[in-house]
Amino acid sequence: MQRVLQETVSARFREIRQRIAEAEVRSGRAAGSVRIVGAVKGVAVGQIVEAVRAGLYDLGENRIQEHESHRHAIEHCSGVLSSVPVIRWHFIGRLQSNKAARAVKCFDVIQSVDSVELVSRLDRLAGDIERRLLVFAEVNISSEETKGGIAPNGLPRLIESIKKAGNLTLGGLMTIGPLTDDNDRIRRAYDEMLILRDGIDPQLELSMGMSNDFVLAVACGATMVRIGTALFGPRRLKEVSV
């Protein structure tokens, strides 16, 4: 059954945090072990600011140009950044090679690293600006052609290349769940991700779960969930004033 969205971003954020907290208890997870990354593609600056003021400090972007617009507007909103902890910016979209240099400069975390070639490029670019960059390996766990991510059997080579890179740090694994309403299929995919993560390092982050399945993802071991529509509602075409 479709859940009715609360009227404000802050109300939705409180509800999402409550649902995550309940899922943590049910699955024997430590309280506060799951972090929300707000997926802000197509989201108005005013809504993002409301979410930040409510306690959302991890923001995920799919498009670099939109991120630059968001960041500029937020940094010029009087009193926003001075009253909250540091915002951490995540790149969660497919990264084109010609945008990699801008991404290395703009983002604290790049969650969508899916090839050895991209690892090599990011490592060189980070070195050029003397920066150590946190990256996640993206896995196409459902083997869907429309999705980015490396196949599970290619993950060991990708992880090895990240670990050998002098300017990159492996932060975790990321995936997009199967595009289906079949919870059993989603659970199997997320269980497989947990096995992959634990086989590398149980202390790594596991970024999986979005608006339609984040509670299930928490039950399966996610440490980060990327939430857009459930938090911000349907995307708007125009920015609103802050």
Protein backbone atom coordinates (compact mmCIF):
# COMPACT_ATOMS: atom_id res chain seq x y z
CA MET A 1 0.00 0.00 0.00
CA GLN A 2 1.36 3.43 -0.98
CA ARG A 3 2.27 5.54 2.04
CA VAL A 4 0.89 9.08 2.14
CA LEU A 5 3.70 11.63 2.27
CA GLN A 6 3.77 14.04 5.18
CA GLU A 7 3.29 17.71 4.32
CA THR A 8 6.79 18.98 5.06
CA VAL A 9 10.32 17.74 4.43
CA SER A 10 11.15 17.94 8.14
CA ALA A 11 8.10 15.81 9.02
CA ARG A 12 9.04 13.22 6.41
CA PHE A 13 12.60 13.18 7.69
CA ARG A 14 11.42 12.48 11.23
CA GLU A 15 9.16 9.68 9.99
CA ILE A 16 11.95 8.10 7.92
CA ARG A 17 14.34 8.21 10.87
CA GLN A 18 11.69 6.60 13.06
CA ARG A 19 11.10 3.80 10.54
CA ILE A 20 14.84 3.19 10.30
CA ALA A 21 15.15 3.13 14.10
CA GLU A 22 12.36 0.54 14.31
CA ALA A 23 14.05 -1.56 11.61
CA GLU A 24 17.34 -1.38 13.51
CA VAL A 25 15.66 -2.73 16.64
CA ARG A 26 13.87 -5.53 14.78
CA SER A 27 17.09 -6.69 13.12
CA GLY A 28 19.27 -6.39 16.23
CA ARG A 29 21.24 -3.45 14.86
CA ALA A 30 22.77 -0.78 17.05
CA ALA A 31 20.70 2.38 17.32
CA GLY A 32 21.94 5.02 14.90
CA SER A 33 23.94 2.54 12.81
CA VAL A 34 22.23 3.58 9.57
CA ARG A 35 22.85 6.95 7.92
CA ILE A 36 20.46 8.70 5.54
CA VAL A 37 21.87 10.18 2.34
CA GLY A 38 19.36 12.60 0.86
CA ALA A 39 19.15 12.13 -2.92
CA VAL A 40 18.65 15.70 -4.11
CA LYS A 41 18.38 15.29 -7.89
CA GLY A 42 15.76 17.78 -9.07
CA VAL A 43 15.11 19.05 -5.53
CA ALA A 44 14.60 22.73 -4.82
CA VAL A 45 17.19 24.46 -2.65
CA GLY A 46 14.55 25.45 -0.10
CA GLN A 47 13.67 21.80 0.47
CA ILE A 48 17.32 20.83 0.85
CA VAL A 49 17.85 23.59 3.40
CA GLU A 50 14.81 22.42 5.36
CA ALA A 51 16.21 18.88 5.43
CA VAL A 52 19.64 20.09 6.57
CA ARG A 53 18.07 22.12 9.36
CA ALA A 54 16.14 18.98 10.39
CA GLY A 55 19.39 17.03 10.74
CA LEU A 56 20.26 15.65 7.29
CA TYR A 57 23.99 16.17 6.80
CA ASP A 58 24.72 13.73 3.95
CA LEU A 59 23.54 14.85 0.51
CA GLY A 60 23.72 12.76 -2.65
CA GLU A 61 23.92 14.21 -6.15
CA ASN A 62 23.50 12.58 -9.56
CA ARG A 63 24.59 15.52 -11.70
CA ILE A 64 27.67 17.64 -11.20
CA GLN A 65 26.27 20.84 -12.70
CA GLU A 66 23.18 20.65 -10.48
CA HIS A 67 25.41 20.00 -7.47
CA GLU A 68 27.40 23.14 -8.16
CA SER A 69 24.15 25.13 -8.30
CA HIS A 70 22.85 23.53 -5.09
CA ARG A 71 26.08 24.03 -3.22
CA HIS A 72 26.46 27.66 -4.27
CA ALA A 73 22.88 28.46 -3.22
CA ILE A 74 23.16 26.67 0.13
CA GLU A 75 26.47 28.31 0.97
CA HIS A 76 24.86 31.69 0.41
CA CYS A 77 21.81 30.98 2.57
CA SER A 78 22.37 33.10 5.65
CA GLY A 79 22.85 31.06 8.80
CA VAL A 80 22.38 27.59 7.29
CA LEU A 81 25.91 26.22 7.36
CA SER A 82 26.94 28.10 10.48
CA SER A 83 24.27 26.31 12.51
CA VAL A 84 24.87 22.69 11.42
CA PRO A 85 27.77 20.23 11.34
CA VAL A 86 29.74 19.91 8.13
CA ILE A 87 27.66 18.68 5.18
CA ARG A 88 29.14 15.67 3.40
CA TRP A 89 28.48 15.57 -0.35
CA HIS A 90 28.18 12.18 -2.12
CA PHE A 91 28.20 11.59 -5.85
CA ILE A 92 25.73 8.75 -6.46
CA GLY A 93 25.14 8.90 -10.23
CA ARG A 94 27.01 7.37 -13.14
CA LEU A 95 30.28 9.27 -13.52
CA GLN A 96 31.34 10.15 -17.06
CA SER A 97 35.08 10.24 -17.56
CA ASN A 98 35.00 13.82 -18.84
CA LYS A 99 33.34 14.93 -15.58
CA ALA A 100 35.73 13.08 -13.28
CA ALA A 101 38.02 16.07 -12.63
CA ARG A 102 35.12 18.21 -11.46
CA ALA A 103 33.79 15.38 -9.33
CA VAL A 104 37.12 14.93 -7.54
CA LYS A 105 37.11 18.62 -6.61
CA CYS A 106 33.42 18.82 -5.62
CA PHE A 107 32.60 15.68 -3.66
CA ASP A 108 33.65 14.15 -0.36
CA VAL A 109 32.57 10.66 -1.47
CA ILE A 110 32.12 9.09 -4.89
CA GLN A 111 29.82 6.08 -4.50
CA SER A 112 29.62 4.98 -8.14
CA VAL A 113 33.10 3.65 -8.97
CA ASP A 114 32.53 0.71 -11.29
CA SER A 115 35.66 0.11 -13.36
CA VAL A 116 39.41 -0.22 -13.00
CA GLU A 117 39.79 2.50 -15.63
CA LEU A 118 37.74 4.93 -13.54
CA VAL A 119 39.80 4.04 -10.47
CA SER A 120 42.99 4.90 -12.35
CA ARG A 121 41.55 8.22 -13.55
CA LEU A 122 40.25 9.26 -10.13
CA ASP A 123 43.54 8.29 -8.49
CA ARG A 124 45.52 10.46 -10.92
CA LEU A 125 43.14 13.40 -10.62
CA ALA A 126 43.12 13.25 -6.83
CA GLY A 127 46.89 13.14 -6.84
CA ASP A 128 47.02 16.21 -9.08
CA ILE A 129 45.29 18.27 -6.39
CA GLU A 130 46.98 16.45 -3.48
CA ARG A 131 43.74 15.07 -2.18
CA ARG A 132 42.78 11.70 -0.71
CA LEU A 133 39.33 10.71 -1.98
CA LEU A 134 36.84 8.32 -0.39
CA VAL A 135 35.22 5.98 -2.93
CA PHE A 136 32.68 3.16 -2.95
CA ALA A 137 32.68 0.26 -5.40
CA GLU A 138 29.32 0.07 -7.16
CA VAL A 139 28.02 -3.45 -7.81
CA ASN A 140 25.29 -4.34 -10.32
CA ILE A 141 23.93 -7.02 -8.05
CA SER A 142 20.81 -7.65 -10.14
CA SER A 143 22.68 -7.82 -13.48
CA GLU A 144 20.28 -5.32 -15.08
CA GLU A 145 21.65 -3.82 -18.29
CA THR A 146 20.20 -0.37 -17.59
CA LYS A 147 22.21 0.00 -14.38
CA GLY A 148 25.76 0.98 -13.70
CA GLY A 149 28.02 -1.07 -11.49
CA ILE A 150 30.45 -3.90 -11.90
CA ALA A 151 29.32 -7.53 -12.02
CA PRO A 152 29.92 -9.38 -8.74
CA ASN A 153 32.56 -11.60 -10.34
CA GLY A 154 34.54 -8.52 -11.33
CA LEU A 155 34.47 -7.00 -7.85
CA PRO A 156 37.72 -8.55 -6.51
CA ARG A 157 39.78 -6.94 -9.28
CA LEU A 158 38.07 -3.59 -8.77
CA ILE A 159 38.66 -3.70 -5.00
CA GLU A 160 42.30 -4.61 -5.55
CA SER A 161 42.77 -1.62 -7.86
CA ILE A 162 41.22 0.76 -5.30
CA LYS A 163 43.40 -0.58 -2.50
CA LYS A 164 46.52 -0.12 -4.63
CA ALA A 165 45.60 3.46 -5.58
CA GLY A 166 47.77 5.92 -3.72
CA ASN A 167 45.15 8.68 -3.48
CA LEU A 168 41.93 6.73 -2.93
CA THR A 169 40.41 5.13 0.15
CA LEU A 170 37.86 2.32 -0.09
CA GLY A 171 34.83 3.36 1.95
CA GLY A 172 32.36 0.63 1.10
CA LEU A 173 30.11 -0.97 -1.49
CA MET A 174 27.05 0.52 -3.18
CA THR A 175 24.22 -1.00 -5.18
CA ILE A 176 20.79 -0.21 -6.58
CA GLY A 177 18.28 -2.92 -5.75
CA PRO A 178 16.30 -4.84 -8.36
CA LEU A 179 13.53 -2.85 -10.03
CA THR A 180 10.68 -5.04 -8.77
CA ASP A 181 7.92 -5.22 -6.18
CA ASP A 182 9.07 -8.73 -5.26
CA ASN A 183 10.50 -8.30 -1.76
CA ASP A 184 11.99 -11.79 -1.78
CA ARG A 185 14.02 -10.94 -4.86
CA ILE A 186 15.16 -7.66 -3.34
CA ARG A 187 16.10 -9.40 -0.09
CA ARG A 188 18.16 -12.01 -1.94
CA ALA A 189 20.06 -9.28 -3.76
CA TYR A 190 20.74 -7.35 -0.57
CA ASP A 191 21.75 -10.50 1.29
CA GLU A 192 24.26 -11.16 -1.48
CA MET A 193 25.62 -7.63 -1.09
CA LEU A 194 26.11 -8.21 2.62
CA ILE A 195 28.05 -11.41 1.89
CA LEU A 196 30.22 -9.55 -0.64
CA ARG A 197 30.90 -6.73 1.84
CA ASP A 198 31.72 -9.07 4.71
CA GLY A 199 34.07 -11.04 2.49
CA ILE A 200 36.09 -7.87 1.89
CA ASP A 201 35.82 -6.13 5.26
CA PRO A 202 32.80 -6.13 7.65
CA GLN A 203 33.73 -2.60 8.73
CA LEU A 204 33.08 -1.12 5.29
CA GLU A 205 29.94 0.88 4.62
CA LEU A 206 27.10 -0.78 2.70
CA SER A 207 25.08 1.75 0.71
CA MET A 208 21.83 0.18 -0.51
CA GLY A 209 18.13 0.90 -0.27
CA MET A 210 16.08 3.79 -1.59
CA SER A 211 12.63 5.27 -1.03
CA ASN A 212 10.72 2.11 -1.88
CA ASP A 213 12.83 -0.45 -0.04
CA PHE A 214 15.01 1.25 2.60
CA VAL A 215 13.39 -0.59 5.53
CA LEU A 216 14.17 -3.93 3.89
CA ALA A 217 17.71 -2.75 3.15
CA VAL A 218 18.26 -1.91 6.82
CA ALA A 219 17.10 -5.40 7.78
CA CYS A 220 19.64 -6.81 5.32
CA GLY A 221 22.58 -4.84 6.71
CA ALA A 222 22.65 -1.47 4.96
CA THR A 223 24.63 1.22 6.76
CA MET A 224 23.54 3.95 4.32
CA VAL A 225 20.22 4.43 2.55
CA ARG A 226 19.80 6.90 -0.31
CA ILE A 227 16.36 8.51 -0.11
CA GLY A 228 14.83 11.01 -2.49
CA THR A 229 11.09 10.89 -3.19
CA ALA A 230 10.07 9.63 0.27
CA LEU A 231 11.87 12.61 1.77
CA PHE A 232 11.40 15.41 -0.74
CA GLY A 233 8.26 14.31 -2.56
CA PRO A 234 7.83 14.47 -6.35
CA ARG A 235 10.58 16.41 -8.08
CA ARG A 236 9.93 20.03 -9.00
CA LEU A 237 11.14 21.66 -12.19
CA LYS A 238 11.76 25.08 -10.67
CA GLU A 239 13.77 26.19 -7.69
CA VAL A 240 11.96 27.91 -4.85
CA SER A 241 13.39 30.82 -2.91
CA VAL A 242 14.92 30.20 0.50
